[in-house]
Amino acid sequence: MLAKKTSKNQLTLPKDIADKFTGVDLFDATVEQNRIVLAPVKVTPIAAPLESIRDKTEKLGITEGDVVDAVKWARKNRQ
């Protein structure tokens, strides 16, 4: 299927493709090996509960020590 680039550098996705992403309004666009790759993005509201953030860090295996080390590293590189 073809996607047309408009004069404003916007791409129009074919309906058959767009319909496969119901409820998705944002895509992360990257270039890989001279190809445009679109990946659906789920936006988390800024007021996300702290518990969901803790769940995600636990799932990723991030510990409090990792956070402390990251803050030290960032502050050291700011100087």
Protein backbone atom coordinates (compact mmCIF):
# COMPACT_ATOMS: atom_id res chain seq x y z
CA MET A 1 0.00 0.00 0.00
CA LEU A 2 1.14 3.51 -0.68
CA ALA A 3 1.22 6.41 1.77
CA LYS A 4 1.34 9.88 0.27
CA LYS A 5 3.52 12.69 1.65
CA THR A 6 1.72 16.04 1.54
CA SER A 7 3.22 19.47 0.87
CA LYS A 8 3.35 19.92 4.68
CA ASN A 9 5.47 16.75 5.06
CA GLN A 10 2.59 14.77 6.56
CA LEU A 11 1.91 11.16 5.69
CA THR A 12 -1.56 9.82 5.10
CA LEU A 13 -1.83 6.19 6.17
CA PRO A 14 -4.08 3.87 4.18
CA LYS A 15 -7.37 3.19 5.98
CA ASP A 16 -6.67 -0.58 6.13
CA ILE A 17 -3.51 0.10 8.15
CA ALA A 18 -4.91 2.88 10.34
CA ASP A 19 -7.91 0.70 11.27
CA LYS A 20 -5.56 -1.84 12.86
CA PHE A 21 -4.61 0.78 15.50
CA THR A 22 -7.95 1.74 16.99
CA GLY A 23 -7.60 4.10 19.93
CA VAL A 24 -4.02 5.01 18.99
CA ASP A 25 -3.44 8.68 18.17
CA LEU A 26 0.34 8.94 18.55
CA PHE A 27 3.19 7.05 16.93
CA ASP A 28 6.94 7.21 17.54
CA ALA A 29 8.61 7.73 14.16
CA THR A 30 12.17 6.52 13.59
CA VAL A 31 14.36 5.70 10.61
CA GLU A 32 15.93 2.24 10.43
CA GLN A 33 17.94 1.12 7.41
CA ASN A 34 16.46 3.89 5.24
CA ARG A 35 12.88 2.97 6.25
CA ILE A 36 10.34 4.92 8.27
CA VAL A 37 9.20 2.87 11.26
CA LEU A 38 6.08 3.86 13.18
CA ALA A 39 5.45 2.41 16.64
CA PRO A 40 2.24 3.10 18.57
CA VAL A 41 2.78 5.13 21.74
CA LYS A 42 0.72 4.86 24.90
CA VAL A 43 0.70 8.17 26.74
CA THR A 44 0.52 7.96 30.51
CA PRO A 45 -1.14 10.97 32.13
CA ILE A 46 1.15 13.08 34.28
CA ALA A 47 -1.14 12.43 37.23
CA ALA A 48 -0.47 8.67 37.05
CA PRO A 49 -0.71 7.09 40.49
CA LEU A 50 2.59 6.62 42.27
CA GLU A 51 1.75 2.95 42.68
CA SER A 52 1.79 2.37 38.91
CA ILE A 53 5.23 3.98 38.72
CA ARG A 54 6.48 1.73 41.53
CA ASP A 55 5.02 -1.31 39.74
CA LYS A 56 6.81 -0.37 36.53
CA THR A 57 10.19 0.17 38.23
CA GLU A 58 9.82 -3.19 40.00
CA LYS A 59 8.92 -4.88 36.71
CA LEU A 60 12.03 -3.35 35.10
CA GLY A 61 14.19 -4.42 38.04
CA ILE A 62 15.14 -0.87 39.03
CA THR A 63 16.10 -0.58 42.70
CA GLU A 64 16.39 2.41 45.01
CA GLY A 65 20.15 2.02 44.78
CA ASP A 66 19.94 2.33 40.99
CA VAL A 67 18.07 5.61 41.36
CA VAL A 68 20.59 6.96 43.87
CA ASP A 69 23.46 5.99 41.55
CA ALA A 70 21.73 7.63 38.56
CA VAL A 71 21.19 10.88 40.45
CA LYS A 72 24.85 10.92 41.57
CA TRP A 73 25.98 10.26 38.00
CA ALA A 74 23.75 13.02 36.58
CA ARG A 75 24.87 15.56 39.17
CA LYS A 76 28.54 14.70 38.66
CA ASN A 77 28.24 15.23 34.88
CA ARG A 78 26.47 18.58 35.28
CA GLN A 79 29.55 20.36 36.62
